[in-house]
Amino acid sequence: MKDPRIKEMAEVLVNYSTRVKQNDVVLISTSGVSSLPLVKEIYALCIRKGAKYVEYDFSIPDINRLFYCNAGKKQISYFPQHKLDFIKQVTVFIGIGSSENSMVMAQADQDAMITHAKVMRPVLDWRVKNTRWVVTRFPTQGAAQEARMSLDEYEDYLFSSCCIDWREESRKQSKLKKLMDRTEKVRITSSDTNLVFSIKGLKSIKCDGRFNIPDGEVFTAPVRDSVEGYITYNCPSLYQGKEFNDVRFEFAQGEIVKASATASSKSLNRILDTDEGSRYIGEFAIGVNPKINVPMRNTLFDEKIFGSIHLTPGQCYEDCENGNHSAVHWDLVKILTGDGEIWFDDILIQKDGLFVHQSLLDLNPGE
């Protein structure tokens, strides 16, 4: 029997997130083949809405791993011009992750992955800047295992956090955005965390289901050289096929001057040495999805955990440009639930993962 929530999710992606209309050129791009039921629903809906052309592609992570493990320098550095030529015709991009094994790249050549990411950057940049895009995940047994859930539990968790009233969430987020826009100094305190930085002059952005599903954050960027102090992230993070735990950064004048992670410090520092911008912060965000409350080893979900923040080494977003540019953009998450405070200009706005500022109380789950 077809799960009706798949159709509901397709409607969110097509009707709300990307607003597909007549004469659009749509690219549905998915990693793994498990997402076929969702691809079919999206494809049919785009056709019914009058899209001029709908392309779909499936990439296979195990085949991609073969490339990184076997390709020579010329192959790694080759730029596929046809991909850029096609993406320049695309008006809507819908990306779906449905990998069965999040660790498929664990033994792949990390340097090759970093180099290839730099080579492919023009395609990503064009897609982000010039299409109505959204990325999402489809439930798989592998993802459920990573989340420490049964597949049924994981499906319930995923669909409940994706298929919500995004217009209402957008209304609530506007209040946090308004407060962030007039804030100059941010202070975050928690276990092994004491950070101070400025967001003066950098506007904040609502993440209300337009680009990510699930969504649920309000982000900005720190003034590039203003970050001082230290932070230890308490969410596991998968990046370039490796798992990183207890990542700890120390900052001086905005730069990560010391970085460590349990059993992974060498790999961590290699990523941070990708380029000049990878040791500076490109994003600061507060997670506000009311249906996401536990880490799942999946950044798209974990960065939206209600009561969390993420402070992101690497590339900033054009919408809140702080001058930091990098091939890296790594959303590392710190959960403050039960342990932590966020202060805006010496005013406490969140304590132990719940908003306490009067204007933000209805953002709290159940309010």
Protein backbone atom coordinates (compact mmCIF):
# COMPACT_ATOMS: atom_id res chain seq x y z
CA MET A 1 0.00 0.00 0.00
CA LYS A 2 1.31 3.44 -0.93
CA ASP A 3 2.13 5.62 2.08
CA PRO A 4 -0.07 8.77 1.77
CA ARG A 5 2.62 10.80 3.53
CA ILE A 6 4.87 10.45 0.46
CA LYS A 7 2.31 12.29 -1.65
CA GLU A 8 1.90 14.91 1.10
CA MET A 9 5.67 15.44 1.15
CA ALA A 10 5.80 15.76 -2.64
CA GLU A 11 3.11 18.44 -2.45
CA VAL A 12 5.16 20.38 0.13
CA LEU A 13 8.27 20.20 -2.09
CA VAL A 14 6.51 21.11 -5.35
CA ASN A 15 3.72 23.45 -4.27
CA TYR A 16 5.29 25.25 -1.31
CA SER A 17 9.09 24.93 -1.37
CA THR A 18 9.84 25.37 -5.07
CA ARG A 19 6.48 26.70 -6.30
CA VAL A 20 6.67 24.80 -9.62
CA LYS A 21 4.71 26.49 -12.38
CA GLN A 22 4.14 26.33 -16.13
CA ASN A 23 7.27 26.37 -18.31
CA ASP A 24 9.65 25.52 -15.47
CA VAL A 25 12.63 23.26 -16.20
CA VAL A 26 12.88 20.91 -13.23
CA LEU A 27 15.79 18.70 -12.15
CA ILE A 28 15.05 15.99 -9.58
CA SER A 29 18.42 14.72 -8.36
CA THR A 30 18.65 11.89 -5.88
CA SER A 31 21.46 9.99 -4.17
CA GLY A 32 20.49 6.33 -3.93
CA VAL A 33 17.50 4.59 -5.46
CA SER A 34 15.29 4.07 -2.41
CA SER A 35 13.60 7.42 -3.01
CA LEU A 36 11.90 6.20 -6.22
CA PRO A 37 8.38 6.41 -4.69
CA LEU A 38 8.92 10.08 -3.85
CA VAL A 39 10.56 10.81 -7.22
CA LYS A 40 7.52 9.40 -9.00
CA GLU A 41 5.12 11.57 -6.99
CA ILE A 42 7.22 14.70 -7.58
CA TYR A 43 7.60 13.95 -11.29
CA ALA A 44 3.88 13.42 -11.84
CA LEU A 45 2.96 16.55 -9.88
CA CYS A 46 5.45 18.71 -11.84
CA ILE A 47 4.04 17.43 -15.13
CA ARG A 48 0.47 18.12 -14.01
CA LYS A 49 1.46 21.66 -13.01
CA GLY A 50 2.72 22.33 -16.52
CA ALA A 51 6.50 22.18 -16.14
CA LYS A 52 8.06 22.39 -19.60
CA TYR A 53 10.66 19.69 -18.90
CA VAL A 54 11.37 17.41 -15.94
CA GLU A 55 14.73 15.65 -15.72
CA TYR A 56 15.59 13.08 -13.05
CA ASP A 57 18.90 11.46 -12.17
CA PHE A 58 20.02 8.88 -9.64
CA SER A 59 23.60 8.87 -8.38
CA ILE A 60 24.91 5.74 -6.68
CA PRO A 61 27.18 6.40 -3.67
CA ASP A 62 29.07 3.11 -4.10
CA ILE A 63 29.97 4.09 -7.66
CA ASN A 64 31.02 7.57 -6.51
CA ARG A 65 33.32 5.89 -3.97
CA LEU A 66 35.01 3.98 -6.81
CA PHE A 67 35.77 7.30 -8.47
CA TYR A 68 37.46 8.80 -5.40
CA CYS A 69 39.44 5.62 -4.75
CA ASN A 70 40.67 5.08 -8.30
CA ALA A 71 40.69 8.37 -10.23
CA GLY A 72 43.96 10.04 -11.14
CA LYS A 73 44.75 13.76 -10.87
CA LYS A 74 43.47 14.54 -14.37
CA GLN A 75 40.19 12.74 -13.68
CA ILE A 76 39.71 14.41 -10.29
CA SER A 77 40.39 17.84 -11.78
CA TYR A 78 38.25 17.38 -14.90
CA PHE A 79 35.33 19.81 -15.01
CA PRO A 80 32.15 18.38 -16.64
CA GLN A 81 31.09 21.43 -18.62
CA HIS A 82 27.87 19.74 -19.73
CA LYS A 83 26.62 19.74 -16.13
CA LEU A 84 27.10 23.48 -15.84
CA ASP A 85 25.50 24.00 -19.26
CA PHE A 86 22.42 22.05 -18.18
CA ILE A 87 22.06 23.59 -14.72
CA LYS A 88 21.99 27.00 -16.39
CA GLN A 89 18.72 25.94 -18.05
CA VAL A 90 17.18 24.62 -14.81
CA THR A 91 14.70 26.83 -12.93
CA VAL A 92 13.77 24.33 -10.16
CA PHE A 93 16.10 21.87 -8.41
CA ILE A 94 14.82 19.20 -6.00
CA GLY A 95 17.55 17.15 -4.31
CA ILE A 96 16.80 13.96 -2.38
CA GLY A 97 19.18 11.96 -0.22
CA SER A 98 18.32 8.30 0.26
CA SER A 99 21.62 6.57 0.88
CA GLU A 100 21.54 3.23 2.65
CA ASN A 101 25.02 3.65 4.13
CA SER A 102 26.17 7.01 5.46
CA MET A 103 29.71 5.65 5.90
CA VAL A 104 30.16 4.60 2.29
CA MET A 105 32.91 7.22 1.85
CA ALA A 106 34.71 6.44 5.11
CA GLN A 107 37.71 4.87 3.36
CA ALA A 108 37.59 7.00 0.22
CA ASP A 109 40.50 9.33 -0.58
CA GLN A 110 39.75 12.44 1.46
CA ASP A 111 42.11 14.67 -0.50
CA ALA A 112 40.45 13.61 -3.74
CA MET A 113 37.03 14.44 -2.29
CA ILE A 114 38.19 17.91 -1.20
CA THR A 115 39.80 18.63 -4.58
CA HIS A 116 36.76 17.43 -6.52
CA ALA A 117 34.44 19.55 -4.35
CA LYS A 118 36.46 22.62 -5.36
CA VAL A 119 36.28 21.62 -9.04
CA MET A 120 32.50 21.20 -8.91
CA ARG A 121 31.88 24.42 -7.00
CA PRO A 122 30.70 26.41 -10.07
CA VAL A 123 27.81 23.98 -10.61
CA LEU A 124 26.75 24.21 -6.97
CA ASP A 125 27.11 27.99 -6.91
CA TRP A 126 24.98 28.42 -10.03
CA ARG A 127 22.29 26.11 -8.69
CA VAL A 128 22.13 27.90 -5.31
CA LYS A 129 22.10 31.39 -6.80
CA ASN A 130 19.89 30.89 -9.84
CA THR A 131 17.29 28.18 -9.19
CA ARG A 132 14.36 27.71 -6.83
CA TRP A 133 15.89 24.79 -5.00
CA VAL A 134 15.12 22.49 -2.10
CA VAL A 135 16.87 19.47 -0.63
CA THR A 136 15.34 16.73 1.48
CA ARG A 137 15.79 13.14 2.67
CA PHE A 138 13.85 9.94 2.09
CA PRO A 139 13.68 7.29 4.83
CA THR A 140 15.90 4.23 4.43
CA GLN A 141 16.91 1.37 6.69
CA GLY A 142 20.46 2.76 6.81
CA ALA A 143 19.30 6.21 7.89
CA ALA A 144 17.01 4.69 10.52
CA GLN A 145 19.93 2.68 11.90
CA GLU A 146 22.08 5.83 12.08
CA ALA A 147 19.26 7.55 13.98
CA ARG A 148 19.05 4.57 16.38
CA MET A 149 15.43 3.97 15.33
CA SER A 150 13.36 1.31 13.65
CA LEU A 151 12.34 2.14 10.09
CA ASP A 152 8.74 2.76 11.22
CA GLU A 153 9.91 5.12 13.96
CA TYR A 154 12.23 6.92 11.56
CA GLU A 155 9.49 7.34 8.95
CA ASP A 156 7.17 8.82 11.58
CA TYR A 157 9.91 11.18 12.74
CA LEU A 158 10.87 12.27 9.23
CA PHE A 159 7.38 12.82 7.86
CA SER A 160 6.18 14.63 11.01
CA SER A 161 9.07 17.10 10.79
CA CYS A 162 8.62 17.66 7.03
CA CYS A 163 4.85 17.81 6.59
CA ILE A 164 3.91 20.67 8.90
CA ASP A 165 2.25 24.05 8.39
CA TRP A 166 5.24 25.94 7.03
CA ARG A 167 3.31 29.17 6.57
CA GLU A 168 2.54 29.24 10.29
CA GLU A 169 6.15 28.36 11.16
CA SER A 170 7.27 31.23 8.91
CA ARG A 171 5.04 33.63 10.85
CA LYS A 172 6.60 32.55 14.14
CA GLN A 173 10.14 32.74 12.80
CA SER A 174 9.56 36.35 11.76
CA LYS A 175 9.65 37.32 15.43
CA LEU A 176 13.07 35.77 15.97
CA LYS A 177 14.36 37.32 12.75
CA LYS A 178 13.17 40.76 13.86
CA LEU A 179 15.02 40.41 17.17
CA MET A 180 18.20 39.11 15.53
CA ASP A 181 18.19 41.93 12.98
CA ARG A 182 18.52 44.55 15.70
CA THR A 183 21.06 42.60 17.78
CA GLU A 184 24.75 43.51 17.84
CA LYS A 185 26.38 41.08 20.29
CA VAL A 186 25.67 37.38 20.85
CA ARG A 187 26.87 35.35 23.81
CA ILE A 188 26.46 31.58 24.14
CA THR A 189 27.31 29.69 27.32
CA SER A 190 27.05 25.98 28.04
CA SER A 191 29.21 23.03 29.08
CA ASP A 192 32.73 23.67 27.75
CA THR A 193 31.34 26.54 25.68
CA ASN A 194 31.77 30.27 26.14
CA LEU A 195 31.49 32.29 22.94
CA VAL A 196 31.07 35.96 22.15
CA PHE A 197 30.71 37.45 18.67
CA SER A 198 29.10 40.31 16.78
CA ILE A 199 26.31 40.07 14.19
CA LYS A 200 26.03 43.84 13.78
CA GLY A 201 25.00 44.86 10.29
CA LEU A 202 24.39 41.29 9.09
CA LYS A 203 20.74 40.54 8.41
CA SER A 204 19.12 37.29 9.51
CA ILE A 205 17.31 34.83 7.26
CA LYS A 206 14.25 32.70 8.01
CA CYS A 207 14.47 29.05 6.98
CA ASP A 208 10.80 28.26 6.65
CA GLY A 209 10.60 25.33 4.24
CA ARG A 210 11.76 27.04 1.04
CA PHE A 211 15.21 25.47 0.67
CA ASN A 212 15.33 22.53 3.09
CA ILE A 213 12.71 20.00 4.06
CA PRO A 214 12.69 19.53 6.96
CA ASP A 215 13.50 23.12 7.75
CA GLY A 216 13.32 25.25 10.86
CA GLU A 217 16.11 27.67 11.69
CA VAL A 218 16.90 31.35 11.62
CA PHE A 219 20.46 32.14 10.60
CA THR A 220 22.87 34.97 10.09
CA ALA A 221 26.66 35.24 10.10
CA PRO A 222 29.09 36.62 12.64
CA VAL A 223 31.33 39.52 11.78
CA ARG A 224 34.23 37.48 10.39
CA ASP A 225 36.95 38.42 12.88
CA SER A 226 34.70 38.89 15.93
CA VAL A 227 34.38 35.32 17.26
CA GLU A 228 36.19 34.82 20.57
CA GLY A 229 36.14 31.95 23.03
CA TYR A 230 35.56 28.23 22.68
CA ILE A 231 32.85 25.71 21.89
CA THR A 232 32.45 21.93 22.16
CA TYR A 233 29.75 20.52 19.90
CA ASN A 234 27.70 17.67 21.37
CA CYS A 235 26.08 16.28 18.20
CA PRO A 236 27.91 13.66 16.16
CA SER A 237 28.59 14.89 12.63
CA LEU A 238 29.15 12.94 9.43
CA TYR A 239 31.33 14.81 6.94
CA GLN A 240 33.10 13.44 3.87
CA GLY A 241 32.16 9.92 4.93
CA LYS A 242 33.66 10.12 8.43
CA GLU A 243 32.02 10.55 11.82
CA PHE A 244 33.28 13.31 14.10
CA ASN A 245 32.45 13.47 17.81
CA ASP A 246 33.12 16.07 20.51
CA VAL A 247 34.50 18.60 18.03
CA ARG A 248 36.08 21.46 19.97
CA PHE A 249 37.18 24.82 18.59
CA GLU A 250 39.09 27.68 20.18
CA PHE A 251 38.85 31.07 18.47
CA ALA A 252 41.01 34.17 18.38
CA GLN A 253 39.96 37.16 16.26
CA GLY A 254 37.49 34.97 14.41
CA GLU A 255 39.94 32.23 13.46
CA ILE A 256 39.84 28.63 14.68
CA VAL A 257 43.31 28.48 16.23
CA LYS A 258 42.91 25.09 17.88
CA ALA A 259 40.67 22.19 16.84
CA SER A 260 40.23 18.70 18.21
CA ALA A 261 37.80 15.79 17.98
CA THR A 262 37.69 12.43 19.68
CA ALA A 263 39.88 10.05 17.62
CA SER A 264 39.56 12.33 14.55
CA SER A 265 41.68 15.43 15.19
CA LYS A 266 43.95 14.83 12.20
CA SER A 267 41.05 14.50 9.75
CA LEU A 268 39.32 17.48 11.35
CA ASN A 269 42.32 19.75 10.88
CA ARG A 270 42.83 18.55 7.33
CA ILE A 271 39.31 19.76 6.51
CA LEU A 272 39.95 23.07 8.28
CA ASP A 273 43.11 23.51 6.20
CA THR A 274 41.18 23.22 2.92
CA ASP A 275 41.56 26.96 2.30
CA GLU A 276 41.85 30.24 4.17
CA GLY A 277 38.11 30.54 4.81
CA SER A 278 37.65 27.11 6.34
CA ARG A 279 39.00 28.27 9.71
CA TYR A 280 36.52 31.14 9.93
CA ILE A 281 32.78 31.04 10.56
CA GLY A 282 30.30 31.59 7.73
CA GLU A 283 27.01 30.98 9.56
CA PHE A 284 25.38 31.21 12.97
CA ALA A 285 21.90 29.70 13.35
CA ILE A 286 19.27 28.81 15.94
CA GLY A 287 17.25 25.62 15.38
CA VAL A 288 13.47 25.92 15.81
CA ASN A 289 11.74 22.90 14.22
CA PRO A 290 9.20 21.85 16.90
CA LYS A 291 9.22 18.21 15.75
CA ILE A 292 12.99 17.62 15.78
CA ASN A 293 14.48 17.03 19.21
CA VAL A 294 17.17 14.31 19.04
CA PRO A 295 20.36 13.91 16.96
CA MET A 296 20.07 11.58 13.98
CA ARG A 297 23.60 11.81 12.50
CA ASN A 298 22.01 13.67 9.62
CA THR A 299 22.89 17.34 9.30
CA LEU A 300 19.72 18.28 7.46
CA PHE A 301 17.74 17.23 10.55
CA ASP A 302 20.21 17.86 13.35
CA GLU A 303 20.81 21.53 12.50
CA LYS A 304 17.06 22.10 12.96
CA ILE A 305 16.84 20.55 16.45
CA PHE A 306 14.73 22.79 18.63
CA GLY A 307 16.98 24.21 21.34
CA SER A 308 20.18 23.92 19.30
CA ILE A 309 22.59 26.29 17.60
CA HIS A 310 25.08 25.70 14.83
CA LEU A 311 28.22 27.66 14.18
CA THR A 312 29.52 26.76 10.74
CA PRO A 313 33.14 26.79 9.58
CA GLY A 314 33.51 27.86 5.97
CA GLN A 315 31.41 29.48 3.27
CA CYS A 316 28.94 32.19 4.18
CA TYR A 317 25.64 32.66 2.38
CA GLU A 318 25.25 35.44 -0.14
CA ASP A 319 22.11 36.62 1.66
CA CYS A 320 24.18 37.51 4.75
CA GLU A 321 27.63 38.04 3.31
CA ASN A 322 30.36 38.37 5.95
CA GLY A 323 33.28 38.08 3.53
CA ASN A 324 34.15 34.47 4.31
CA HIS A 325 34.56 32.18 1.31
CA SER A 326 35.54 28.53 1.27
CA ALA A 327 34.94 25.17 -0.38
CA VAL A 328 33.87 24.02 3.11
CA HIS A 329 30.48 24.65 4.70
CA TRP A 330 30.16 22.35 7.70
CA ASP A 331 27.14 22.72 9.97
CA LEU A 332 28.27 21.54 13.41
CA VAL A 333 25.52 21.42 16.04
CA LYS A 334 25.45 22.22 19.74
CA ILE A 335 22.28 21.25 21.65
CA LEU A 336 21.50 23.60 24.54
CA THR A 337 18.46 21.73 25.89
CA GLY A 338 18.87 21.42 29.63
CA ASP A 339 22.25 23.15 29.55
CA GLY A 340 22.87 26.48 27.93
CA GLU A 341 21.96 30.11 27.44
CA ILE A 342 21.75 32.48 24.47
CA TRP A 343 22.09 36.20 25.13
CA PHE A 344 21.40 39.02 22.66
CA ASP A 345 22.98 42.33 23.75
CA ASP A 346 23.06 41.15 27.38
CA ILE A 347 19.38 40.12 27.30
CA LEU A 348 18.65 36.43 27.93
CA ILE A 349 16.52 35.11 25.06
CA GLN A 350 16.83 31.34 25.52
CA LYS A 351 17.62 29.19 28.54
CA ASP A 352 18.13 25.42 28.53
CA GLY A 353 16.71 25.15 25.02
CA LEU A 354 13.48 27.11 25.51
CA PHE A 355 12.82 30.72 24.60
CA VAL A 356 12.27 33.00 27.57
CA HIS A 357 12.09 36.34 25.76
CA GLN A 358 8.46 37.48 25.80
CA SER A 359 8.25 38.04 22.04
CA LEU A 360 9.45 34.49 21.26
CA LEU A 361 7.39 32.32 23.61
CA ASP A 362 5.06 30.99 20.89
CA LEU A 363 8.07 29.46 19.10
CA ASN A 364 8.38 26.93 21.91
CA PRO A 365 6.88 23.50 21.11
CA GLY A 366 3.28 23.21 22.24
CA GLU A 367 2.80 26.96 22.58
